[in-house]
C-alpha atoms as a PDB file:
ATOM      1  CA  UNK A   1       6.008   3.292  24.796  1.00  0.00           C
ATOM      2  CA  UNK A   2       9.716   3.356  23.926  1.00  0.00           C
ATOM      3  CA  UNK A   3      10.976   3.365  20.479  1.00  0.00           C
ATOM      4  CA  UNK A   4      11.303  -0.471  20.120  1.00  0.00           C
ATOM      5  CA  UNK A   5       7.763  -1.054  21.411  1.00  0.00           C
ATOM      6  CA  UNK A   6       6.464   1.522  19.030  1.00  0.00           C
ATOM      7  CA  UNK A   7       8.409   0.222  16.256  1.00  0.00           C
ATOM      8  CA  UNK A   8       7.108  -3.365  16.999  1.00  0.00           C
ATOM      9  CA  UNK A   9       3.353  -1.901  17.336  1.00  0.00           C
ATOM     10  CA  UNK A  10       3.785   0.006  14.035  1.00  0.00           C
ATOM     11  CA  UNK A  11       4.902  -3.281  12.216  1.00  0.00           C
ATOM     12  CA  UNK A  12       1.758  -5.139  13.720  1.00  0.00           C
ATOM     13  CA  UNK A  13      -0.644  -2.221  12.278  1.00  0.00           C
ATOM     14  CA  UNK A  14       1.266  -2.714   9.047  1.00  0.00           C
ATOM     15  CA  UNK A  15       0.518  -6.505   9.230  1.00  0.00           C
ATOM     16  CA  UNK A  16      -3.044  -6.103   9.779  1.00  0.00           C
ATOM     17  CA  UNK A  17      -3.566  -3.359   7.158  1.00  0.00           C
ATOM     18  CA  UNK A  18      -1.617  -5.015   4.611  1.00  0.00           C
ATOM     19  CA  UNK A  19      -1.511  -8.674   4.934  1.00  0.00           C
ATOM     20  CA  UNK A  20      -5.418  -9.113   5.630  1.00  0.00           C
ATOM     21  CA  UNK A  21      -5.994  -7.933   1.845  1.00  0.00           C
ATOM     22  CA  UNK A  22      -4.662 -11.241   0.589  1.00  0.00           C
ATOM     23  CA  UNK A  23      -7.974 -13.031   0.768  1.00  0.00           C
ATOM     24  CA  UNK A  24      -9.868 -10.213  -0.986  1.00  0.00           C
ATOM     25  CA  UNK A  25      -7.184  -9.975  -3.628  1.00  0.00           C
ATOM     26  CA  UNK A  26      -7.279 -13.809  -3.944  1.00  0.00           C
ATOM     27  CA  UNK A  27     -11.071 -13.659  -4.507  1.00  0.00           C
ATOM     28  CA  UNK A  28     -10.646 -10.691  -7.195  1.00  0.00           C
ATOM     29  CA  UNK A  29      -7.958 -12.613  -8.977  1.00  0.00           C
ATOM     30  CA  UNK A  30      -9.371 -16.102  -8.675  1.00  0.00           C
ATOM     31  CA  UNK A  31      -6.157 -17.271  -7.336  1.00  0.00           C
ATOM     32  CA  UNK A  32      -4.239 -17.723  -4.041  1.00  0.00           C
ATOM     33  CA  UNK A  33      -2.535 -14.508  -3.146  1.00  0.00           C
ATOM     34  CA  UNK A  34      -0.057 -14.192  -0.231  1.00  0.00           C
ATOM     35  CA  UNK A  35       1.300 -11.064   1.279  1.00  0.00           C
ATOM     36  CA  UNK A  36       4.418 -11.150   3.434  1.00  0.00           C
ATOM     37  CA  UNK A  37       4.697  -9.775   6.902  1.00  0.00           C
ATOM     38  CA  UNK A  38       5.971  -6.095   6.455  1.00  0.00           C
ATOM     39  CA  UNK A  39       9.607  -5.040   7.367  1.00  0.00           C
ATOM     40  CA  UNK A  40       8.806  -1.792   9.230  1.00  0.00           C
ATOM     41  CA  UNK A  41      11.308   1.069   9.725  1.00  0.00           C
ATOM     42  CA  UNK A  42      11.058   4.716  10.844  1.00  0.00           C
ATOM     43  CA  UNK A  43      12.610   6.836   8.250  1.00  0.00           C
ATOM     44  CA  UNK A  44      12.530  10.528   7.091  1.00  0.00           C
ATOM     45  CA  UNK A  45      11.645  11.688   3.569  1.00  0.00           C
ATOM     46  CA  UNK A  46      15.152  12.585   3.012  1.00  0.00           C
ATOM     47  CA  UNK A  47      16.262   8.819   3.843  1.00  0.00           C
ATOM     48  CA  UNK A  48      13.926   7.307   1.018  1.00  0.00           C
ATOM     49  CA  UNK A  49      13.649  10.117  -1.567  1.00  0.00           C
ATOM     50  CA  UNK A  50      16.216   8.663  -3.827  1.00  0.00           C
ATOM     51  CA  UNK A  51      14.822   5.040  -3.262  1.00  0.00           C
ATOM     52  CA  UNK A  52      11.397   5.921  -4.354  1.00  0.00           C
ATOM     53  CA  UNK A  53      11.714   8.679  -7.082  1.00  0.00           C
ATOM     54  CA  UNK A  54      11.977   6.065  -9.899  1.00  0.00           C
ATOM     55  CA  UNK A  55       8.981   4.033  -8.858  1.00  0.00           C
ATOM     56  CA  UNK A  56       5.371   4.188  -9.527  1.00  0.00           C
ATOM     57  CA  UNK A  57       2.999   4.650  -6.841  1.00  0.00           C
ATOM     58  CA  UNK A  58      -0.724   5.252  -5.846  1.00  0.00           C
ATOM     59  CA  UNK A  59      -1.934   7.375  -2.845  1.00  0.00           C
ATOM     60  CA  UNK A  60      -4.731   6.242  -0.743  1.00  0.00           C
ATOM     61  CA  UNK A  61      -6.646   8.964   1.120  1.00  0.00           C
ATOM     62  CA  UNK A  62      -8.841   8.058   3.936  1.00  0.00           C
ATOM     63  CA  UNK A  63     -12.079  10.367   4.515  1.00  0.00           C
ATOM     64  CA  UNK A  64     -10.708  12.975   2.310  1.00  0.00           C
ATOM     65  CA  UNK A  65      -7.428  13.269   4.593  1.00  0.00           C
ATOM     66  CA  UNK A  66      -9.136  13.715   7.673  1.00  0.00           C
ATOM     67  CA  UNK A  67      -7.719  10.366   8.985  1.00  0.00           C
ATOM     68  CA  UNK A  68      -4.694  10.431   6.910  1.00  0.00           C
ATOM     69  CA  UNK A  69      -3.121   8.907   3.645  1.00  0.00           C
ATOM     70  CA  UNK A  70      -0.825   6.263   2.618  1.00  0.00           C
ATOM     71  CA  UNK A  71       1.220   5.772  -0.548  1.00  0.00           C
ATOM     72  CA  UNK A  72       2.228   2.433  -1.956  1.00  0.00           C
ATOM     73  CA  UNK A  73       5.276   2.209  -4.496  1.00  0.00           C
ATOM     74  CA  UNK A  74       6.457  -0.307  -6.650  1.00  0.00           C
ATOM     75  CA  UNK A  75       8.935  -0.704  -9.725  1.00  0.00           C
ATOM     76  CA  UNK A  76       7.474  -0.178 -13.248  1.00  0.00           C
ATOM     77  CA  UNK A  77       8.555  -3.572 -14.051  1.00  0.00           C
ATOM     78  CA  UNK A  78       6.744  -5.068 -11.019  1.00  0.00           C
ATOM     79  CA  UNK A  79       3.611  -2.769 -11.891  1.00  0.00           C
ATOM     80  CA  UNK A  80       3.662  -4.168 -15.444  1.00  0.00           C
ATOM     81  CA  UNK A  81       4.073  -7.876 -14.268  1.00  0.00           C
ATOM     82  CA  UNK A  82       1.161  -7.250 -11.929  1.00  0.00           C
ATOM     83  CA  UNK A  83      -0.942  -5.572 -14.625  1.00  0.00           C
ATOM     84  CA  UNK A  84      -0.270  -8.654 -16.928  1.00  0.00           C
ATOM     85  CA  UNK A  85      -1.392 -11.029 -14.186  1.00  0.00           C
ATOM     86  CA  UNK A  86      -4.693  -9.094 -13.220  1.00  0.00           C
ATOM     87  CA  UNK A  87      -5.575  -8.905 -16.979  1.00  0.00           C
ATOM     88  CA  UNK A  88      -4.897 -12.628 -17.527  1.00  0.00           C
ATOM     89  CA  UNK A  89      -6.949 -13.554 -14.386  1.00  0.00           C
ATOM     90  CA  UNK A  90      -9.666 -11.271 -14.875  1.00  0.00           C
ATOM     91  CA  UNK A  91     -10.102 -11.069 -18.717  1.00  0.00           C
ATOM     92  CA  UNK A  92      -8.520 -14.443 -19.429  1.00  0.00           C
ATOM     93  CA  UNK A  93      -6.328 -12.569 -21.874  1.00  0.00           C
ATOM     94  CA  UNK A  94      -2.449 -12.515 -22.273  1.00  0.00           C
ATOM     95  CA  UNK A  95      -0.607  -8.938 -22.457  1.00  0.00           C
ATOM     96  CA  UNK A  96       2.442  -9.218 -24.446  1.00  0.00           C
ATOM     97  CA  UNK A  97       3.021  -5.487 -24.951  1.00  0.00           C
ATOM     98  CA  UNK A  98       5.404  -3.702 -22.241  1.00  0.00           C
ATOM     99  CA  UNK A  99       3.826  -0.219 -22.654  1.00  0.00           C
ATOM    100  CA  UNK A 100       1.461   1.224 -20.281  1.00  0.00           C
ATOM    101  CA  UNK A 101      -2.133   1.777 -21.547  1.00  0.00           C
ATOM    102  CA  UNK A 102      -5.646   2.023 -20.076  1.00  0.00           C
ATOM    103  CA  UNK A 103      -5.966  -1.716 -19.203  1.00  0.00           C
ATOM    104  CA  UNK A 104      -2.391  -1.777 -17.520  1.00  0.00           C
ATOM    105  CA  UNK A 105      -3.142   1.135 -15.437  1.00  0.00           C
ATOM    106  CA  UNK A 106      -6.655   0.231 -14.425  1.00  0.00           C
ATOM    107  CA  UNK A 107      -5.314  -3.178 -13.428  1.00  0.00           C
ATOM    108  CA  UNK A 108      -2.828  -2.059 -11.076  1.00  0.00           C
ATOM    109  CA  UNK A 109      -5.192   0.673  -9.765  1.00  0.00           C
ATOM    110  CA  UNK A 110      -7.698  -1.774  -9.049  1.00  0.00           C
ATOM    111  CA  UNK A 111      -5.322  -3.951  -6.946  1.00  0.00           C
ATOM    112  CA  UNK A 112      -4.344  -0.738  -4.918  1.00  0.00           C
ATOM    113  CA  UNK A 113      -8.162  -0.079  -4.528  1.00  0.00           C
ATOM    114  CA  UNK A 114      -8.562  -3.393  -2.972  1.00  0.00           C
ATOM    115  CA  UNK A 115      -5.523  -3.010  -0.632  1.00  0.00           C
ATOM    116  CA  UNK A 116      -6.995   0.464   0.486  1.00  0.00           C
ATOM    117  CA  UNK A 117     -10.391  -0.906   0.891  1.00  0.00           C
ATOM    118  CA  UNK A 118      -9.090  -3.527   3.118  1.00  0.00           C
ATOM    119  CA  UNK A 119      -7.258  -0.658   5.273  1.00  0.00           C
ATOM    120  CA  UNK A 120     -10.642   0.984   5.308  1.00  0.00           C
ATOM    121  CA  UNK A 121     -12.167  -1.956   7.190  1.00  0.00           C
ATOM    122  CA  UNK A 122      -9.656  -2.078   9.824  1.00  0.00           C
ATOM    123  CA  UNK A 123      -9.624   1.720  10.336  1.00  0.00           C
ATOM    124  CA  UNK A 124     -13.322   1.724  10.717  1.00  0.00           C
ATOM    125  CA  UNK A 125     -12.961  -0.645  13.645  1.00  0.00           C
ATOM    126  CA  UNK A 126     -10.015   1.429  15.124  1.00  0.00           C
ATOM    127  CA  UNK A 127     -11.908   4.713  14.685  1.00  0.00           C
ATOM    128  CA  UNK A 128     -15.365   3.534  15.450  1.00  0.00           C
ATOM    129  CA  UNK A 129     -16.800   5.223  12.285  1.00  0.00           C
ATOM    130  CA  UNK A 130     -17.106   4.585   8.778  1.00  0.00           C
ATOM    131  CA  UNK A 131     -14.013   5.212   6.718  1.00  0.00           C
ATOM    132  CA  UNK A 132     -13.991   5.597   2.935  1.00  0.00           C
ATOM    133  CA  UNK A 133     -11.204   6.215   0.446  1.00  0.00           C
ATOM    134  CA  UNK A 134     -10.494   8.093  -2.637  1.00  0.00           C
ATOM    135  CA  UNK A 135      -9.935   5.867  -5.762  1.00  0.00           C
ATOM    136  CA  UNK A 136      -6.309   5.503  -6.091  1.00  0.00           C
ATOM    137  CA  UNK A 137      -4.544   6.796  -9.185  1.00  0.00           C
ATOM    138  CA  UNK A 138      -1.248   5.488 -10.644  1.00  0.00           C
ATOM    139  CA  UNK A 139       1.506   8.113 -10.578  1.00  0.00           C
ATOM    140  CA  UNK A 140       5.071   8.168 -11.178  1.00  0.00           C
ATOM    141  CA  UNK A 141       7.753   8.488  -8.456  1.00  0.00           C
ATOM    142  CA  UNK A 142       9.355  11.537  -9.870  1.00  0.00           C
ATOM    143  CA  UNK A 143       6.417  13.437  -8.529  1.00  0.00           C
ATOM    144  CA  UNK A 144       6.685  11.703  -5.077  1.00  0.00           C
ATOM    145  CA  UNK A 145       9.818  14.035  -3.928  1.00  0.00           C
ATOM    146  CA  UNK A 146       7.202  16.573  -3.114  1.00  0.00           C
ATOM    147  CA  UNK A 147       4.876  14.309  -0.885  1.00  0.00           C
ATOM    148  CA  UNK A 148       6.259  15.255   2.284  1.00  0.00           C
ATOM    149  CA  UNK A 149       9.029  17.791   3.643  1.00  0.00           C
ATOM    150  CA  UNK A 150      12.391  16.050   3.793  1.00  0.00           C
ATOM    151  CA  UNK A 151      12.461  15.957   7.685  1.00  0.00           C
ATOM    152  CA  UNK A 152       9.053  14.391   8.010  1.00  0.00           C
ATOM    153  CA  UNK A 153       9.200  11.262  10.166  1.00  0.00           C
ATOM    154  CA  UNK A 154       7.509   8.256   8.271  1.00  0.00           C
ATOM    155  CA  UNK A 155       6.821   4.880   8.736  1.00  0.00           C
ATOM    156  CA  UNK A 156       8.161   2.672   5.890  1.00  0.00           C
ATOM    157  CA  UNK A 157       6.566  -0.907   5.310  1.00  0.00           C
ATOM    158  CA  UNK A 158       8.183  -3.170   2.897  1.00  0.00           C
ATOM    159  CA  UNK A 159       6.337  -6.173   1.767  1.00  0.00           C
ATOM    160  CA  UNK A 160       6.028  -8.751  -1.089  1.00  0.00           C
ATOM    161  CA  UNK A 161       2.833  -9.811  -2.730  1.00  0.00           C
ATOM    162  CA  UNK A 162       3.140 -13.433  -4.099  1.00  0.00           C
ATOM    163  CA  UNK A 163       1.027 -14.091  -6.981  1.00  0.00           C
ATOM    164  CA  UNK A 164      -0.308 -17.499  -7.916  1.00  0.00           C
ATOM    165  CA  UNK A 165       2.130 -17.929 -10.829  1.00  0.00           C
ATOM    166  CA  UNK A 166       5.066 -17.624  -8.191  1.00  0.00           C
ATOM    167  CA  UNK A 167       5.995 -14.210  -9.424  1.00  0.00           C
ATOM    168  CA  UNK A 168       6.714 -11.558  -6.467  1.00  0.00           C
ATOM    169  CA  UNK A 169       5.844  -8.150  -6.589  1.00  0.00           C
ATOM    170  CA  UNK A 170       7.807  -5.898  -4.095  1.00  0.00           C
ATOM    171  CA  UNK A 171       6.068  -2.865  -2.688  1.00  0.00           C
ATOM    172  CA  UNK A 172       6.818  -0.066  -0.145  1.00  0.00           C
ATOM    173  CA  UNK A 173       4.118   1.663   1.667  1.00  0.00           C
ATOM    174  CA  UNK A 174       4.834   5.179   3.369  1.00  0.00           C
ATOM    175  CA  UNK A 175       2.681   7.188   5.589  1.00  0.00           C
ATOM    176  CA  UNK A 176       3.448   9.936   8.384  1.00  0.00           C
ATOM    177  CA  UNK A 177       4.521   8.559  11.717  1.00  0.00           C
ATOM    178  CA  UNK A 178       1.746  10.752  13.092  1.00  0.00           C
ATOM    179  CA  UNK A 179      -0.611   8.640  11.115  1.00  0.00           C
ATOM    180  CA  UNK A 180       0.575   5.505  12.880  1.00  0.00           C
ATOM    181  CA  UNK A 181       0.707   7.333  16.454  1.00  0.00           C
ATOM    182  CA  UNK A 182      -2.768   8.477  15.987  1.00  0.00           C
ATOM    183  CA  UNK A 183      -3.907   4.601  15.205  1.00  0.00           C
ATOM    184  CA  UNK A 184      -2.076   3.907  18.515  1.00  0.00           C
ATOM    185  CA  UNK A 185      -4.137   6.604  20.488  1.00  0.00           C
ATOM    186  CA  UNK A 186      -7.372   5.168  18.820  1.00  0.00           C
ATOM    187  CA  UNK A 187      -6.620   1.782  19.741  1.00  0.00           C
ATOM    188  CA  UNK A 188      -5.717   2.600  23.316  1.00  0.00           C
ATOM    189  CA  UNK A 189      -8.834   4.519  23.671  1.00  0.00           C
ATOM    190  CA  UNK A 190     -10.914   1.468  22.537  1.00  0.00           C
ATOM    191  CA  UNK A 191      -9.100  -1.102  24.566  1.00  0.00           C
END
Protein backbone atom coordinates (compact mmCIF):
# COMPACT_ATOMS: atom_id res chain seq x y z
CA UNK A 1 0.00 0.00 0.00
CA UNK A 2 1.60 3.28 -1.06
CA UNK A 3 1.38 6.47 1.04
CA UNK A 4 -1.65 7.85 -0.88
CA UNK A 5 -3.59 4.59 -0.47
CA UNK A 6 -2.62 4.41 3.20
CA UNK A 7 -3.63 8.05 3.72
CA UNK A 8 -7.02 7.38 2.08
CA UNK A 9 -7.50 4.23 4.14
CA UNK A 10 -6.63 6.08 7.38
CA UNK A 11 -9.20 8.72 6.37
CA UNK A 12 -11.85 6.02 5.90
CA UNK A 13 -11.02 4.54 9.31
CA UNK A 14 -11.30 8.02 10.82
CA UNK A 15 -14.66 8.43 9.14
CA UNK A 16 -16.06 5.19 10.52
CA UNK A 17 -14.69 5.66 14.02
CA UNK A 18 -15.78 9.31 14.38
CA UNK A 19 -18.72 10.09 12.12
CA UNK A 20 -20.76 7.07 13.12
CA UNK A 21 -20.94 8.50 16.66
CA UNK A 22 -23.41 11.18 15.50
CA UNK A 23 -26.56 9.03 15.98
CA UNK A 24 -25.50 8.04 19.52
CA UNK A 25 -24.74 11.66 20.38
CA UNK A 26 -28.09 12.69 18.87
CA UNK A 27 -29.93 10.24 21.12
CA UNK A 28 -28.01 11.44 24.17
CA UNK A 29 -28.55 15.12 23.38
CA UNK A 30 -32.12 14.70 22.09
CA UNK A 31 -31.24 16.62 18.93
CA UNK A 32 -29.76 16.16 15.48
CA UNK A 33 -25.97 16.02 15.61
CA UNK A 34 -23.76 15.80 12.54
CA UNK A 35 -20.05 15.08 12.40
CA UNK A 36 -18.12 16.08 9.30
CA UNK A 37 -15.97 13.65 7.40
CA UNK A 38 -12.48 14.08 8.87
CA UNK A 39 -9.55 15.59 7.05
CA UNK A 40 -6.69 13.17 7.67
CA UNK A 41 -2.98 13.99 7.68
CA UNK A 42 0.17 12.11 8.60
CA UNK A 43 2.18 14.36 10.94
CA UNK A 44 4.81 14.21 13.65
CA UNK A 45 4.36 15.43 17.21
CA UNK A 46 6.78 18.27 16.39
CA UNK A 47 4.47 19.36 13.53
CA UNK A 48 1.44 19.84 15.77
CA UNK A 49 2.95 20.54 19.19
CA UNK A 50 2.36 24.31 19.10
CA UNK A 51 -1.08 23.87 17.58
CA UNK A 52 -2.40 21.64 20.37
CA UNK A 53 -0.67 22.99 23.47
CA UNK A 54 -3.35 25.62 24.15
CA UNK A 55 -6.27 23.24 23.68
CA UNK A 56 -8.18 21.04 26.11
CA UNK A 57 -8.26 17.32 25.38
CA UNK A 58 -9.30 13.88 26.49
CA UNK A 59 -7.47 10.61 26.06
CA UNK A 60 -9.40 7.48 25.11
CA UNK A 61 -7.47 4.32 26.02
CA UNK A 62 -8.61 1.02 24.47
CA UNK A 63 -8.24 -2.16 26.58
CA UNK A 64 -5.81 -0.52 28.99
CA UNK A 65 -3.56 0.53 26.11
CA UNK A 66 -3.23 -2.98 24.66
CA UNK A 67 -4.98 -1.90 21.45
CA UNK A 68 -3.94 1.74 21.55
CA UNK A 69 -5.17 5.17 22.46
CA UNK A 70 -6.41 8.31 20.82
CA UNK A 71 -6.56 11.94 21.95
CA UNK A 72 -9.36 14.38 21.05
CA UNK A 73 -8.57 18.12 21.24
CA UNK A 74 -10.74 21.23 21.10
CA UNK A 75 -10.40 24.88 22.05
CA UNK A 76 -11.50 25.90 25.51
CA UNK A 77 -14.12 28.16 23.90
CA UNK A 78 -15.54 25.26 21.86
CA UNK A 79 -15.41 22.97 24.90
CA UNK A 80 -17.40 25.52 26.93
CA UNK A 81 -19.90 25.92 24.07
CA UNK A 82 -20.29 22.14 23.97
CA UNK A 83 -20.69 21.99 27.77
CA UNK A 84 -23.42 24.65 27.71
CA UNK A 85 -25.24 22.78 24.93
CA UNK A 86 -25.07 19.44 26.76
CA UNK A 87 -26.30 21.03 30.01
CA UNK A 88 -29.17 22.73 28.19
CA UNK A 89 -30.19 19.58 26.32
CA UNK A 90 -29.80 17.11 29.20
CA UNK A 91 -30.76 19.22 32.23
CA UNK A 92 -32.97 21.77 30.48
CA UNK A 93 -30.87 24.45 32.18
CA UNK A 94 -29.08 27.49 30.76
CA UNK A 95 -25.44 27.96 31.79
CA UNK A 96 -24.32 31.57 31.60
CA UNK A 97 -21.06 31.28 33.51
CA UNK A 98 -17.87 31.08 31.45
CA UNK A 99 -15.94 29.19 34.13
CA UNK A 100 -15.23 25.51 34.35
CA UNK A 101 -17.16 23.69 37.04
CA UNK A 102 -18.02 20.07 37.70
CA UNK A 103 -21.08 20.16 35.40
CA UNK A 104 -19.12 21.70 32.51
CA UNK A 105 -16.28 19.22 32.80
CA UNK A 106 -18.64 16.24 33.15
CA UNK A 107 -20.67 17.40 30.14
CA UNK A 108 -17.64 17.46 27.82
CA UNK A 109 -16.29 14.20 29.24
CA UNK A 110 -19.63 12.49 28.58
CA UNK A 111 -19.55 13.53 24.91
CA UNK A 112 -15.99 12.17 24.65
CA UNK A 113 -17.12 8.99 26.37
CA UNK A 114 -19.82 8.55 23.70
CA UNK A 115 -17.27 9.20 20.91
CA UNK A 116 -14.92 6.66 22.51
CA UNK A 117 -17.73 4.18 23.06
CA UNK A 118 -18.61 4.34 19.38
CA UNK A 119 -14.97 3.63 18.53
CA UNK A 120 -15.08 0.52 20.74
CA UNK A 121 -17.97 -0.92 18.72
CA UNK A 122 -15.96 -0.63 15.53
CA UNK A 123 -12.74 -1.87 17.15
CA UNK A 124 -14.61 -4.90 18.56
CA UNK A 125 -15.55 -5.86 15.00
CA UNK A 126 -12.04 -5.13 13.65
CA UNK A 127 -10.19 -7.04 16.38
CA UNK A 128 -12.79 -9.78 16.80
CA UNK A 129 -12.84 -9.39 20.58
CA UNK A 130 -14.41 -7.14 23.17
CA UNK A 131 -12.91 -3.66 23.47
CA UNK A 132 -13.45 -1.38 26.45
CA UNK A 133 -12.29 2.16 27.18
CA UNK A 134 -11.12 3.97 30.27
CA UNK A 135 -13.43 6.87 31.11
CA UNK A 136 -11.93 9.95 29.40
CA UNK A 137 -10.90 12.87 31.62
CA UNK A 138 -10.65 16.47 30.41
CA UNK A 139 -7.06 17.77 30.50
CA UNK A 140 -5.31 20.94 29.45
CA UNK A 141 -3.18 21.05 26.31
CA UNK A 142 -0.04 22.23 28.07
CA UNK A 143 0.20 18.65 29.35
CA UNK A 144 -0.09 17.29 25.79
CA UNK A 145 3.47 18.18 24.81
CA UNK A 146 4.57 15.03 26.62
CA UNK A 147 2.12 12.66 24.91
CA UNK A 148 4.62 11.43 22.31
CA UNK A 149 8.24 11.99 21.30
CA UNK A 150 8.66 14.85 18.80
CA UNK A 151 9.51 12.45 15.96
CA UNK A 152 6.54 10.10 16.58
CA UNK A 153 4.53 9.54 13.37
CA UNK A 154 0.88 10.39 14.04
CA UNK A 155 -2.43 10.37 12.22
CA UNK A 156 -4.28 13.67 12.67
CA UNK A 157 -8.03 13.75 11.98
CA UNK A 158 -9.61 17.23 11.94
CA UNK A 159 -13.40 17.27 12.04
CA UNK A 160 -16.39 19.38 13.05
CA UNK A 161 -19.34 18.46 15.24
CA UNK A 162 -22.45 20.38 14.16
CA UNK A 163 -24.86 20.93 17.04
CA UNK A 164 -28.62 21.26 16.65
CA UNK A 165 -28.30 25.00 17.35
CA UNK A 166 -26.15 25.49 14.25
CA UNK A 167 -23.00 25.95 16.34
CA UNK A 168 -19.92 24.14 15.10
CA UNK A 169 -17.38 22.54 17.42
CA UNK A 170 -13.99 21.97 15.79
CA UNK A 171 -12.02 18.97 17.02
CA UNK A 172 -8.71 17.29 16.32
CA UNK A 173 -8.01 13.64 17.00
CA UNK A 174 -4.49 12.21 17.07
CA UNK A 175 -3.24 8.67 17.41
CA UNK A 176 0.01 6.90 16.66
CA UNK A 177 0.29 5.92 13.03
CA UNK A 178 1.23 2.45 14.32
CA UNK A 179 -2.27 2.20 15.87
CA UNK A 180 -3.85 2.89 12.48
CA UNK A 181 -1.41 0.51 10.75
CA UNK A 182 -2.47 -2.23 13.17
CA UNK A 183 -6.12 -1.51 12.33
CA UNK A 184 -5.25 -1.94 8.65
CA UNK A 185 -3.51 -5.27 9.39
CA UNK A 186 -6.46 -6.50 11.45
CA UNK A 187 -8.88 -5.57 8.68
CA UNK A 188 -6.74 -7.37 6.09
CA UNK A 189 -6.76 -10.51 8.23
CA UNK A 190 -10.55 -10.40 8.57
CA UNK A 191 -11.27 -9.95 4.85
